Protein backbone atom coordinates (compact mmCIF):
# COMPACT_ATOMS: atom_id res chain seq x y z
CA UNK A 1 -5.55 -0.49 -41.02
CA UNK A 2 -5.81 -0.27 -44.81
CA UNK A 3 -3.35 2.67 -44.81
CA UNK A 4 -0.90 0.72 -42.66
CA UNK A 5 -0.95 -2.26 -45.01
CA UNK A 6 -0.63 -0.04 -48.09
CA UNK A 7 2.68 1.40 -46.86
CA UNK A 8 4.20 -1.81 -45.54
CA UNK A 9 7.23 -3.05 -47.46
CA UNK A 10 7.26 -6.50 -49.06
CA UNK A 11 3.51 -6.92 -48.89
CA UNK A 12 2.11 -9.95 -50.68
CA UNK A 13 -1.13 -11.31 -52.08
CA UNK A 14 -2.15 -13.98 -49.56
CA UNK A 15 -4.56 -16.84 -50.22
CA UNK A 16 -6.37 -17.67 -46.95
CA UNK A 17 -8.36 -20.92 -46.71
CA UNK A 18 -11.40 -20.44 -44.49
CA UNK A 19 -14.87 -21.62 -43.59
CA UNK A 20 -17.27 -18.96 -44.81
CA UNK A 21 -20.64 -18.71 -43.03
CA UNK A 22 -23.47 -18.16 -45.51
CA UNK A 23 -26.50 -18.31 -43.22
CA UNK A 24 -27.35 -18.85 -39.57
CA UNK A 25 -30.31 -19.95 -37.47
CA UNK A 26 -30.52 -19.55 -33.70
CA UNK A 27 -33.03 -21.64 -31.77
CA UNK A 28 -33.29 -19.76 -28.49
CA UNK A 29 -34.06 -21.65 -25.28
CA UNK A 30 -35.32 -24.74 -27.06
CA UNK A 31 -36.78 -27.45 -24.85
CA UNK A 32 -34.66 -30.51 -25.63
CA UNK A 33 -35.98 -32.80 -22.88
CA UNK A 34 -39.75 -33.19 -23.02
CA UNK A 35 -42.52 -35.65 -23.64
CA UNK A 36 -45.31 -35.51 -26.18
CA UNK A 37 -48.74 -34.48 -24.98
CA UNK A 38 -51.62 -36.94 -25.40
CA UNK A 39 -55.34 -36.18 -25.56
CA UNK A 40 -57.73 -39.10 -25.28
CA UNK A 41 -54.90 -41.52 -25.96
CA UNK A 42 -53.85 -39.69 -29.14
CA UNK A 43 -50.50 -37.87 -29.46
CA UNK A 44 -50.90 -34.17 -30.25
CA UNK A 45 -47.37 -33.35 -31.41
CA UNK A 46 -47.03 -30.77 -28.62
CA UNK A 47 -44.24 -30.67 -26.05
CA UNK A 48 -44.87 -30.82 -22.31
CA UNK A 49 -42.38 -31.36 -19.46
CA UNK A 50 -41.05 -34.87 -18.91
CA UNK A 51 -43.05 -36.26 -15.99
CA UNK A 52 -41.02 -38.25 -13.48
CA UNK A 53 -42.29 -40.22 -10.51
CA UNK A 54 -39.16 -40.28 -8.36
CA UNK A 55 -39.05 -42.95 -5.69
CA UNK A 56 -39.26 -41.49 -2.21
CA UNK A 57 -36.94 -42.63 0.52
CA UNK A 58 -38.38 -44.47 3.51
CA UNK A 59 -37.66 -43.67 7.14
CA UNK A 60 -37.10 -46.42 9.78
CA UNK A 61 -40.88 -46.71 10.16
CA UNK A 62 -41.33 -47.13 6.37
CA UNK A 63 -42.90 -43.70 6.12
CA UNK A 64 -42.09 -41.92 2.83
CA UNK A 65 -39.61 -39.06 2.72
CA UNK A 66 -40.65 -36.95 -0.30
CA UNK A 67 -38.41 -35.16 -2.76
CA UNK A 68 -37.66 -31.57 -1.80
CA UNK A 69 -35.74 -30.41 -4.87
CA UNK A 70 -33.65 -31.52 -7.85
CA UNK A 71 -30.54 -29.99 -9.35
CA UNK A 72 -28.84 -30.74 -12.63
CA UNK A 73 -25.23 -31.63 -11.85
CA UNK A 74 -23.98 -32.46 -15.33
CA UNK A 75 -25.06 -33.11 -18.90
CA UNK A 76 -22.79 -35.70 -20.52
CA UNK A 77 -22.69 -35.47 -24.32
CA UNK A 78 -21.81 -38.68 -26.16
CA UNK A 79 -18.58 -38.74 -28.14
CA UNK A 80 -19.03 -37.50 -31.69
CA UNK A 81 -22.05 -35.34 -30.88
CA UNK A 82 -23.64 -33.01 -31.72
CA UNK A 83 -23.95 -34.34 -35.26
CA UNK A 84 -25.25 -32.36 -38.20
CA UNK A 85 -26.21 -33.22 -41.74
CA UNK A 86 -27.64 -31.58 -44.84
CA UNK A 87 -30.80 -33.27 -46.15
CA UNK A 88 -31.45 -32.95 -49.91
CA UNK A 89 -29.90 -29.46 -49.92
CA UNK A 90 -33.07 -28.17 -48.26
CA UNK A 91 -32.82 -28.92 -44.53
CA UNK A 92 -30.25 -29.05 -41.76
CA UNK A 93 -30.65 -31.83 -39.19
CA UNK A 94 -29.04 -31.44 -35.76
CA UNK A 95 -28.71 -34.51 -33.53
CA UNK A 96 -27.59 -34.55 -29.90
CA UNK A 97 -27.04 -37.64 -27.74
CA UNK A 98 -26.60 -37.22 -23.99
CA UNK A 99 -27.38 -38.32 -20.46
CA UNK A 100 -28.20 -36.23 -17.39
CA UNK A 101 -26.93 -36.52 -13.83
CA UNK A 102 -29.33 -35.08 -11.25
CA UNK A 103 -28.87 -34.48 -7.54
CA UNK A 104 -32.05 -35.28 -5.61
CA UNK A 105 -32.61 -33.63 -2.24
CA UNK A 106 -35.18 -35.16 0.11
CA UNK A 107 -37.13 -33.41 2.84
CA UNK A 108 -34.90 -34.93 5.54
CA UNK A 109 -31.93 -33.19 3.83
CA UNK A 110 -30.53 -36.47 2.52
CA UNK A 111 -29.38 -36.77 -1.09
CA UNK A 112 -29.25 -39.21 -3.96
CA UNK A 113 -28.00 -39.24 -7.54
CA UNK A 114 -30.26 -40.09 -10.47
CA UNK A 115 -28.91 -40.62 -13.97
CA UNK A 116 -31.36 -40.06 -16.80
CA UNK A 117 -32.43 -42.04 -18.69
CA UNK A 118 -30.44 -44.90 -17.09
CA UNK A 119 -32.55 -45.03 -13.91
CA UNK A 120 -35.96 -44.78 -15.62
CA UNK A 121 -38.53 -47.57 -15.93
CA UNK A 122 -42.13 -48.25 -16.82
CA UNK A 123 -44.13 -49.16 -13.71
CA UNK A 124 -44.58 -52.75 -14.93
CA UNK A 125 -40.79 -53.10 -15.31
CA UNK A 126 -39.74 -51.87 -11.87
CA UNK A 127 -36.30 -53.20 -10.89
CA UNK A 128 -35.24 -52.20 -7.35
CA UNK A 129 -31.60 -52.52 -8.40
CA UNK A 130 -31.95 -50.00 -11.25
CA UNK A 131 -35.16 -47.99 -11.07
CA UNK A 132 -35.13 -44.62 -9.33
CA UNK A 133 -37.94 -42.97 -11.28
CA UNK A 134 -41.04 -44.12 -13.16
CA UNK A 135 -42.19 -42.53 -16.43
CA UNK A 136 -45.57 -42.62 -18.10
CA UNK A 137 -46.49 -45.34 -20.59
CA UNK A 138 -46.34 -42.83 -23.44
CA UNK A 139 -42.58 -42.48 -22.85
CA UNK A 140 -41.66 -46.12 -22.15
CA UNK A 141 -44.34 -48.70 -22.86
CA UNK A 142 -45.35 -51.61 -20.63
CA UNK A 143 -42.87 -53.90 -22.41
CA UNK A 144 -40.01 -51.55 -21.59
CA UNK A 145 -39.72 -50.16 -25.13
CA UNK A 146 -39.14 -46.39 -25.43
CA UNK A 147 -41.62 -44.42 -27.55
CA UNK A 148 -40.55 -41.65 -29.92
CA UNK A 149 -41.60 -38.21 -28.65
CA UNK A 150 -42.44 -35.61 -31.30
CA UNK A 151 -42.96 -31.90 -31.65
CA UNK A 152 -44.77 -31.66 -34.97
CA UNK A 153 -46.96 -28.57 -34.63
CA UNK A 154 -44.35 -25.87 -35.28
CA UNK A 155 -41.41 -25.69 -37.70
CA UNK A 156 -38.67 -26.72 -37.04
CA UNK A 157 -39.90 -30.18 -36.06
CA UNK A 158 -38.23 -32.07 -33.20
CA UNK A 159 -37.96 -35.59 -31.81
CA UNK A 160 -36.66 -37.13 -28.59
CA UNK A 161 -36.09 -40.82 -27.95
CA UNK A 162 -34.64 -42.84 -25.09
CA UNK A 163 -32.00 -45.14 -26.56
CA UNK A 164 -32.41 -48.75 -25.49
CA UNK A 165 -30.27 -51.88 -25.28
CA UNK A 166 -33.16 -53.81 -23.74
CA UNK A 167 -35.55 -53.52 -20.80
CA UNK A 168 -34.22 -51.08 -18.18
CA UNK A 169 -31.00 -50.60 -20.15
CA UNK A 170 -31.31 -47.02 -21.35
CA UNK A 171 -27.90 -45.39 -21.85
CA UNK A 172 -28.87 -42.02 -23.32
CA UNK A 173 -31.35 -39.63 -24.91
CA UNK A 174 -31.21 -38.66 -28.58
CA UNK A 175 -32.70 -35.30 -29.50
CA UNK A 176 -33.00 -34.08 -33.08
CA UNK A 177 -34.32 -30.97 -34.78
CA UNK A 178 -34.70 -30.52 -38.54
CA UNK A 179 -34.43 -26.91 -39.74
CA UNK A 180 -35.56 -25.98 -43.28
CA UNK A 181 -33.16 -23.64 -45.07
CA UNK A 182 -36.07 -21.20 -45.38
CA UNK A 183 -35.78 -20.64 -41.61
CA UNK A 184 -32.20 -19.31 -41.86
CA UNK A 185 -31.39 -15.60 -41.90
CA UNK A 186 -30.06 -15.61 -45.49
CA UNK A 187 -31.33 -17.39 -48.59
CA UNK A 188 -28.67 -19.58 -50.20
CA UNK A 189 -27.97 -19.24 -53.92
CA UNK A 190 -28.25 -22.26 -56.17
CA UNK A 191 -24.48 -22.38 -56.67
CA UNK A 192 -23.97 -22.33 -52.88
CA UNK A 193 -26.46 -25.16 -52.40
CA UNK A 194 -24.56 -27.19 -54.98
CA UNK A 195 -21.17 -26.51 -53.40
CA UNK A 196 -19.75 -29.92 -52.34
CA UNK A 197 -18.24 -28.38 -49.19
CA UNK A 198 -21.60 -27.08 -47.86
CA UNK A 199 -21.82 -28.09 -44.20
CA UNK A 200 -23.75 -27.36 -41.05
CA UNK A 201 -21.81 -26.22 -37.96
CA UNK A 202 -23.41 -26.44 -34.51
CA UNK A 203 -22.86 -24.34 -31.39
CA UNK A 204 -24.64 -25.10 -28.09
CA UNK A 205 -25.08 -22.37 -25.46
CA UNK A 206 -26.99 -21.39 -22.31
CA UNK A 207 -28.04 -24.78 -20.93
CA UNK A 208 -30.81 -24.37 -18.35
CA UNK A 209 -33.55 -26.44 -16.75
CA UNK A 210 -36.90 -26.14 -15.04
CA UNK A 211 -38.14 -28.38 -12.22
CA UNK A 212 -41.55 -28.48 -10.55
CA UNK A 213 -42.03 -30.83 -7.59
CA UNK A 214 -45.79 -31.37 -7.56
CA UNK A 215 -47.04 -33.95 -5.06
CA UNK A 216 -46.59 -37.36 -3.46
CA UNK A 217 -48.14 -40.10 -5.60
CA UNK A 218 -48.48 -43.83 -4.95
CA UNK A 219 -47.68 -45.90 -8.05
CA UNK A 220 -48.84 -49.49 -8.46
CA UNK A 221 -45.90 -51.35 -10.01
CA UNK A 222 -44.58 -54.82 -10.79
CA UNK A 223 -41.27 -55.84 -9.26
CA UNK A 224 -39.66 -57.83 -12.09
CA UNK A 225 -37.12 -59.37 -9.70
CA UNK A 226 -39.74 -60.96 -7.43
CA UNK A 227 -42.66 -60.89 -9.92
CA UNK A 228 -44.78 -59.25 -7.21
CA UNK A 229 -47.10 -56.27 -7.33
CA UNK A 230 -45.85 -53.44 -5.13
CA UNK A 231 -46.98 -49.94 -4.22
CA UNK A 232 -44.25 -47.34 -4.66
CA UNK A 233 -44.32 -44.01 -2.86
CA UNK A 234 -43.07 -41.42 -5.35
CA UNK A 235 -42.79 -37.68 -5.82
CA UNK A 236 -44.32 -36.36 -9.03
CA UNK A 237 -41.87 -34.02 -10.77
CA UNK A 238 -42.06 -32.12 -14.07
CA UNK A 239 -38.63 -31.71 -15.68
CA UNK A 240 -37.56 -29.71 -18.74
CA UNK A 241 -34.12 -29.01 -20.20
CA UNK A 242 -33.49 -25.99 -22.44
CA UNK A 243 -30.63 -24.87 -24.65
CA UNK A 244 -29.74 -22.38 -27.38
CA UNK A 245 -28.87 -24.20 -30.61
CA UNK A 246 -26.98 -22.16 -33.20
CA UNK A 247 -26.75 -23.73 -36.65
CA UNK A 248 -24.40 -22.15 -39.20
CA UNK A 249 -24.37 -23.12 -42.87
CA UNK A 250 -20.98 -22.63 -44.47
CA UNK A 251 -18.63 -23.59 -47.28
CA UNK A 252 -14.88 -23.90 -47.73
CA UNK A 253 -13.56 -20.90 -49.60
CA UNK A 254 -10.31 -19.15 -50.50
CA UNK A 255 -10.12 -15.55 -49.31
CA UNK A 256 -7.61 -13.34 -51.14
CA UNK A 257 -6.10 -10.52 -49.08
CA UNK A 258 -3.11 -8.19 -49.28
CA UNK A 259 -0.68 -8.28 -46.39
CA UNK A 260 2.46 -9.69 -44.83
CA UNK A 261 2.70 -13.17 -43.26
CA UNK A 262 3.55 -13.08 -39.56
CA UNK A 263 6.42 -15.48 -40.11
CA UNK A 264 8.00 -17.25 -43.05
CA UNK A 265 10.50 -20.08 -43.03
CA UNK A 266 13.91 -19.57 -44.57
CA UNK A 267 16.00 -22.19 -46.38
């Protein structure tokens, strides 16, 4: 190619404006939907699957019809996400806001749609018009307030929170991971760190999930519509969502090359 360019007539020095990638970090199959493990009532900073108690259907005799399987139909990413930011020229923070649409198959081959986190509740905030799954009190507390979930045992550290507009009004999840520059494949020079155009660019790939339907569990709950205590027949399900997160650190830069423009305007 170099020989071809060398012998082309009317070649020019061209100034190409480009985003130059300086360093990259790939987080492979990262669990982005999880809950924090607790031991003796104390959070451990370790991730475990999000535990769902999905309401079973009832047959004409009010006998429960358990969940057979779940499938992820769609992950809806909020407008403007993923977001990325550079923190003190030492860390890259990636933030993703989304909701999940799941297809639930019951043992009688009937189906239902659950939207997470919209259809989640604490057992003391059960609303038959909204609730399709109960979560543990370490995810949403008894007052209906979501609790921040953390992974703080291994760098890079992660968080997951259910966004809330009030009790049983949970429009989305927000996941974030903070990656120190020391975790990237190339060390940045001081002049590159001080470049005002230094940015983080995010690529998401290979979305996958894991589902384990465990058992039928009766959950004692409070119906907030009738203010009555009820027993809910549920299916205990462990759910995890995974994704590859590729974070590229780059700057704006002029690249000088020798060649011929594909087309030029003429006066």
